[in-house]
Amino acid sequence: MGPSVGIFDSGVGGLAVWREFARLAPDAPTLYVADQAHVPYGPRPPEEIRRFAEAITRFLLDQGARLIVVASHTISAAALWPLRETFPDVPFVGIEPAVKPAAAQTRTGVIGVLGTFGTLNGPLMARVVERFAQHVRVVPRVCSGWVEQVEAGLLEGEEAEARVRAHLDVVLQAGADVLVLACTHYTFLAPLIRRLAGPEVSLVDPAPAVARRAAEIWRAQTRGAEEETDPGFNRGAWRGDARTALHRFFTTGDPLRFQEQLRRLIGQDGPVERLVWGLKDTLQTASG
């Protein structure tokens, strides 16, 4: 099997990136880690997020990942640069709030950025606004509860609508005509957000761009791997065993619940392996 791509998030949000990546590179072996024991990451201090991210990265590398996708705005804001310093030989793909394309699209001169506290109140957000949005008004909104809402599968219905409106209306009333989804979990609320916001409001979701970048790097790695192997180079296939599957999914939460989330959110089936946190921020499979 060729180089694997490790993708991780605090929960199901990164599956939005995984789905796009799997569409672009269907032969790519992937490893997905959801740290649902600690979800949500948004309110956590940056140093704690960095510890979790480093441990997850080490686990993914031990499992054969040669490219790491940090499929979370919150984790990217807190840990992307420290990860690159700690693992200088590993290519990382992260996410930043998509303020640049939003600023280019707005007609009203007002853009809304929907995210977590950790994303919107960190230095990464400040740098992005300074570089790309000095000519527009940026209305950031910490959408407390949306991550938990997506984790619970509350994507439609009266309760879901009320929870989304509580944050969305504030941004729309400020005049925003472009909304940046600055949390991968929010991708799964996009249909509801679009319906409530109306056709005059555009949504910017960075997941496809992140997936395209990851696919470019993987293809470059795969070409190198093929040159070093025989013509029968095997990119991997499903053989019934999670350890030899093309796509492996791990959670530090409940595997059965995550399995249902995979089916509901991205139509993906297959086994989910449970991870447990050990001493000194280490990860291992429940089977040892």
Protein backbone atom coordinates (compact mmCIF):
# COMPACT_ATOMS: atom_id res chain seq x y z
CA MET A 1 0.00 0.00 0.00
CA GLY A 2 1.27 3.47 -0.88
CA PRO A 3 1.61 6.47 1.41
CA SER A 4 -1.40 6.88 3.69
CA VAL A 5 -3.07 10.21 4.40
CA GLY A 6 -3.82 10.95 8.04
CA ILE A 7 -6.79 13.24 8.69
CA PHE A 8 -7.92 14.31 12.13
CA ASP A 9 -10.37 16.50 14.01
CA SER A 10 -12.02 16.66 17.41
CA GLY A 11 -15.02 14.83 15.96
CA VAL A 12 -17.03 14.46 12.78
CA GLY A 13 -16.28 17.90 11.30
CA GLY A 14 -13.17 16.74 9.47
CA LEU A 15 -15.29 14.19 7.61
CA ALA A 16 -16.29 17.09 5.37
CA VAL A 17 -12.65 17.28 4.26
CA TRP A 18 -12.33 13.48 4.14
CA ARG A 19 -15.37 13.23 1.84
CA GLU A 20 -13.92 15.72 -0.62
CA PHE A 21 -10.47 14.12 -0.50
CA ALA A 22 -11.88 10.63 -1.09
CA ARG A 23 -13.78 11.96 -4.10
CA LEU A 24 -10.65 13.54 -5.58
CA ALA A 25 -8.29 10.66 -4.75
CA PRO A 26 -10.43 7.50 -4.51
CA ASP A 27 -7.38 5.22 -4.45
CA ALA A 28 -5.68 7.01 -1.56
CA PRO A 29 -5.42 5.03 1.70
CA THR A 30 -6.68 7.16 4.58
CA LEU A 31 -6.55 7.13 8.37
CA TYR A 32 -9.14 9.30 10.14
CA VAL A 33 -9.00 10.09 13.85
CA ALA A 34 -11.90 11.71 15.72
CA ASP A 35 -10.94 12.74 19.26
CA GLN A 36 -14.51 12.58 20.49
CA ALA A 37 -13.39 12.06 24.07
CA HIS A 38 -12.40 15.73 24.06
CA VAL A 39 -14.91 17.29 21.65
CA PRO A 40 -15.43 20.25 21.41
CA TYR A 41 -11.93 21.70 21.15
CA GLY A 42 -13.10 25.30 20.67
CA PRO A 43 -13.22 26.36 24.35
CA ARG A 44 -9.99 24.55 25.27
CA PRO A 45 -6.70 26.43 25.87
CA PRO A 46 -4.25 26.37 22.92
CA GLU A 47 -1.55 24.48 24.84
CA GLU A 48 -3.98 21.61 25.54
CA ILE A 49 -5.03 21.47 21.89
CA ARG A 50 -1.35 21.35 20.88
CA ARG A 51 -0.75 18.37 23.18
CA PHE A 52 -3.70 16.48 21.74
CA ALA A 53 -2.67 17.32 18.18
CA GLU A 54 0.90 16.15 18.69
CA ALA A 55 -0.23 12.85 20.19
CA ILE A 56 -2.70 12.23 17.36
CA THR A 57 -0.02 13.06 14.79
CA ARG A 58 2.41 10.59 16.38
CA PHE A 59 -0.27 7.90 16.30
CA LEU A 60 -1.04 8.56 12.62
CA LEU A 61 2.65 8.46 11.70
CA ASP A 62 3.05 5.18 13.59
CA GLN A 63 0.14 3.80 11.53
CA GLY A 64 1.85 4.70 8.25
CA ALA A 65 0.62 8.20 7.44
CA ARG A 66 3.04 10.24 5.34
CA LEU A 67 0.81 13.29 4.96
CA ILE A 68 -1.22 14.85 7.77
CA VAL A 69 -4.35 16.91 7.19
CA VAL A 70 -5.38 19.00 10.19
CA ALA A 71 -9.07 19.08 9.26
CA SER A 72 -10.04 21.65 11.87
CA HIS A 73 -9.84 25.43 12.02
CA THR A 74 -9.48 25.35 15.80
CA ILE A 75 -6.61 22.86 15.75
CA SER A 76 -4.92 24.61 12.83
CA ALA A 77 -5.09 27.93 14.66
CA ALA A 78 -3.55 26.51 17.82
CA ALA A 79 -1.22 23.78 16.60
CA LEU A 80 -0.38 23.83 12.89
CA TRP A 81 2.89 25.76 13.15
CA PRO A 82 4.05 23.90 16.30
CA LEU A 83 3.34 20.60 14.51
CA ARG A 84 5.45 21.66 11.55
CA GLU A 85 8.29 22.56 13.89
CA THR A 86 8.03 19.29 15.82
CA PHE A 87 7.77 17.14 12.67
CA PRO A 88 9.84 19.04 10.08
CA ASP A 89 9.95 16.14 7.60
CA VAL A 90 6.18 15.64 7.52
CA PRO A 91 3.96 17.61 5.12
CA PHE A 92 0.95 19.15 6.87
CA VAL A 93 -2.16 20.64 5.31
CA GLY A 94 -4.18 22.91 7.61
CA ILE A 95 -7.12 25.27 7.37
CA GLU A 96 -7.44 29.00 7.87
CA PRO A 97 -10.66 31.06 7.82
CA ALA A 98 -11.52 31.68 4.16
CA VAL A 99 -11.64 35.44 4.57
CA LYS A 100 -9.78 36.16 1.32
CA PRO A 101 -12.35 34.72 -1.11
CA ALA A 102 -15.21 36.08 1.00
CA ALA A 103 -13.77 39.60 0.88
CA ALA A 104 -13.48 39.32 -2.89
CA GLN A 105 -17.11 38.22 -3.28
CA THR A 106 -19.00 40.63 -1.03
CA ARG A 107 -21.23 43.25 -2.58
CA THR A 108 -22.32 44.89 0.68
CA GLY A 109 -18.78 45.20 2.02
CA VAL A 110 -19.68 43.05 5.03
CA ILE A 111 -18.69 39.41 5.57
CA GLY A 112 -19.60 37.11 8.44
CA VAL A 113 -17.14 34.57 9.83
CA LEU A 114 -18.81 31.74 11.74
CA GLY A 115 -16.45 29.77 13.96
CA THR A 116 -15.39 28.64 17.42
CA PHE A 117 -13.87 30.78 20.14
CA GLY A 118 -10.46 29.21 19.58
CA THR A 119 -10.49 30.06 15.88
CA LEU A 120 -11.93 33.57 15.96
CA ASN A 121 -9.91 34.84 18.91
CA GLY A 122 -6.49 33.58 17.89
CA PRO A 123 -3.57 35.17 16.03
CA LEU A 124 -4.30 33.25 12.81
CA MET A 125 -7.67 34.95 12.41
CA ALA A 126 -6.13 38.36 13.14
CA ARG A 127 -3.43 37.79 10.49
CA VAL A 128 -5.94 36.69 7.86
CA VAL A 129 -8.14 39.73 8.44
CA GLU A 130 -5.16 42.07 8.36
CA ARG A 131 -3.88 40.61 5.09
CA PHE A 132 -7.09 40.19 3.13
CA ALA A 133 -9.98 42.13 4.64
CA GLN A 134 -8.88 45.66 5.47
CA HIS A 135 -11.28 47.04 2.84
CA VAL A 136 -14.36 45.25 4.21
CA ARG A 137 -16.12 44.90 7.53
CA VAL A 138 -15.64 41.52 9.16
CA VAL A 139 -18.32 40.33 11.59
CA PRO A 140 -17.01 37.32 13.56
CA ARG A 141 -19.50 35.16 15.40
CA VAL A 142 -18.63 32.45 17.91
CA CYS A 143 -21.39 29.93 17.27
CA SER A 144 -21.47 28.25 20.65
CA GLY A 145 -23.21 24.89 20.57
CA TRP A 146 -23.04 24.24 16.83
CA VAL A 147 -20.25 21.65 17.12
CA GLU A 148 -22.23 19.73 19.72
CA GLN A 149 -25.33 20.10 17.53
CA VAL A 150 -23.59 18.46 14.57
CA GLU A 151 -22.11 15.73 16.77
CA ALA A 152 -25.66 14.98 17.96
CA GLY A 153 -26.95 14.81 14.37
CA LEU A 154 -29.29 17.76 14.84
CA LEU A 155 -29.11 19.07 11.28
CA GLU A 156 -32.76 19.81 10.45
CA GLY A 157 -36.02 20.47 12.24
CA GLU A 158 -37.38 23.19 14.51
CA GLU A 159 -34.76 22.80 17.24
CA ALA A 160 -31.88 22.82 14.76
CA GLU A 161 -33.32 25.89 13.05
CA ALA A 162 -33.68 27.76 16.34
CA ARG A 163 -30.09 27.02 17.34
CA VAL A 164 -28.74 28.16 14.00
CA ARG A 165 -30.88 31.31 13.92
CA ALA A 166 -29.56 32.37 17.34
CA HIS A 167 -26.17 33.08 15.78
CA LEU A 168 -26.96 33.51 12.11
CA ASP A 169 -29.47 36.34 12.51
CA VAL A 170 -26.93 38.52 14.31
CA VAL A 171 -24.53 38.34 11.36
CA LEU A 172 -27.23 38.84 8.73
CA GLN A 173 -28.61 41.86 10.56
CA ALA A 174 -25.12 43.40 10.37
CA GLY A 175 -25.43 43.31 6.58
CA ALA A 176 -23.25 40.33 5.71
CA ASP A 177 -23.90 38.89 2.27
CA VAL A 178 -21.06 36.33 2.41
CA LEU A 179 -20.65 33.85 5.25
CA VAL A 180 -17.40 32.00 5.96
CA LEU A 181 -17.78 28.57 7.54
CA ALA A 182 -14.72 28.69 9.81
CA CYS A 183 -15.35 25.30 11.39
CA THR A 184 -15.50 22.04 9.47
CA HIS A 185 -18.43 20.85 11.60
CA TYR A 186 -20.50 23.68 10.15
CA THR A 187 -20.28 22.19 6.65
CA PHE A 188 -22.95 19.72 7.73
CA LEU A 189 -25.20 22.64 8.69
CA ALA A 190 -24.66 24.35 5.33
CA PRO A 191 -28.00 23.26 3.78
CA LEU A 192 -29.88 24.68 6.78
CA ILE A 193 -27.78 27.85 6.84
CA ARG A 194 -28.38 28.44 3.13
CA ARG A 195 -32.11 28.01 3.53
CA LEU A 196 -32.33 30.39 6.49
CA ALA A 197 -29.98 32.99 5.00
CA GLY A 198 -31.70 33.12 1.63
CA PRO A 199 -30.42 33.13 -1.96
CA GLU A 200 -28.78 36.56 -1.71
CA VAL A 201 -26.23 35.28 0.80
CA SER A 202 -23.24 33.18 -0.29
CA LEU A 203 -21.42 30.56 1.79
CA VAL A 204 -17.67 29.94 1.61
CA ASP A 205 -16.61 26.46 2.70
CA PRO A 206 -12.83 25.81 2.62
CA ALA A 207 -13.12 22.00 2.80
CA PRO A 208 -12.89 21.45 -1.00
CA ALA A 209 -9.77 23.64 -1.31
CA VAL A 210 -8.08 21.82 1.58
CA ALA A 211 -8.92 18.47 0.02
CA ARG A 212 -7.52 19.58 -3.35
CA ARG A 213 -4.23 20.58 -1.76
CA ALA A 214 -3.99 17.29 0.13
CA ALA A 215 -4.73 15.35 -3.07
CA GLU A 216 -1.96 17.20 -4.93
CA ILE A 217 0.59 16.30 -2.26
CA TRP A 218 -0.58 12.68 -2.10
CA ARG A 219 -0.28 12.27 -5.86
CA ALA A 220 3.26 13.61 -5.75
CA GLN A 221 4.13 11.17 -2.96
CA THR A 222 2.48 8.28 -4.79
CA ARG A 223 4.46 8.93 -7.96
CA GLY A 224 7.61 8.70 -5.90
CA ALA A 225 6.47 5.49 -4.25
CA GLU A 226 5.59 3.89 -7.59
CA GLU A 227 9.06 4.59 -8.91
CA GLU A 228 10.53 2.62 -6.01
CA THR A 229 8.23 -0.40 -6.36
CA ASP A 230 7.36 -2.94 -9.05
CA PRO A 231 4.65 -2.37 -11.68
CA GLY A 232 2.18 -4.20 -9.47
CA PHE A 233 2.19 -1.33 -6.93
CA ASN A 234 -0.90 -1.85 -4.75
CA ARG A 235 -2.70 1.21 -3.43
CA GLY A 236 -4.78 -0.92 -1.10
CA ALA A 237 -8.23 -2.48 -1.13
CA TRP A 238 -10.95 -3.53 1.28
CA ARG A 239 -10.24 -7.03 2.50
CA GLY A 240 -12.61 -7.27 5.44
CA ASP A 241 -10.04 -6.51 8.13
CA ALA A 242 -9.92 -2.93 9.47
CA ARG A 243 -6.13 -3.09 9.59
CA THR A 244 -5.92 -3.76 5.84
CA ALA A 245 -8.81 -1.54 4.72
CA LEU A 246 -8.26 1.27 2.27
CA HIS A 247 -9.95 3.63 4.75
CA ARG A 248 -9.53 3.22 8.51
CA PHE A 249 -11.52 5.22 11.03
CA PHE A 250 -10.66 5.70 14.69
CA THR A 251 -12.42 7.43 17.56
CA THR A 252 -11.58 8.06 21.19
CA GLY A 253 -15.33 8.00 21.82
CA ASP A 254 -17.96 5.35 21.13
CA PRO A 255 -17.13 3.36 17.95
CA LEU A 256 -20.74 2.29 17.35
CA ARG A 257 -21.95 5.88 17.58
CA PHE A 258 -19.21 7.05 15.24
CA GLN A 259 -20.09 4.26 12.81
CA GLU A 260 -23.64 5.61 12.68
CA GLN A 261 -22.34 9.15 12.20
CA LEU A 262 -20.24 7.98 9.25
CA ARG A 263 -23.28 6.45 7.59
CA ARG A 264 -25.52 9.45 8.27
CA LEU A 265 -23.10 12.24 7.35
CA ILE A 266 -21.03 10.86 4.48
CA GLY A 267 -22.62 7.53 3.53
CA GLN A 268 -19.52 5.59 4.55
CA ASP A 269 -19.71 2.13 6.06
CA GLY A 270 -17.12 -0.10 7.65
CA PRO A 271 -15.55 -0.83 11.03
CA VAL A 272 -14.45 1.86 13.46
CA GLU A 273 -11.53 1.23 15.78
CA ARG A 274 -11.49 2.61 19.31
CA LEU A 275 -8.53 4.59 20.62
CA VAL A 276 -7.73 5.22 24.26
CA TRP A 277 -5.70 7.99 25.81
CA GLY A 278 -2.80 6.79 27.93
CA LEU A 279 -0.35 8.46 30.25
CA LYS A 280 1.58 11.50 29.04
CA ASP A 281 -0.85 12.19 26.19
CA THR A 282 -0.31 8.99 24.21
CA LEU A 283 -2.82 7.17 22.01
CA GLN A 284 -3.20 3.49 21.38
CA THR A 285 -5.88 1.17 20.02
CA ALA A 286 -8.18 -0.35 22.61
CA SER A 287 -6.87 -3.79 21.63
CA GLY A 288 -3.35 -2.67 22.54
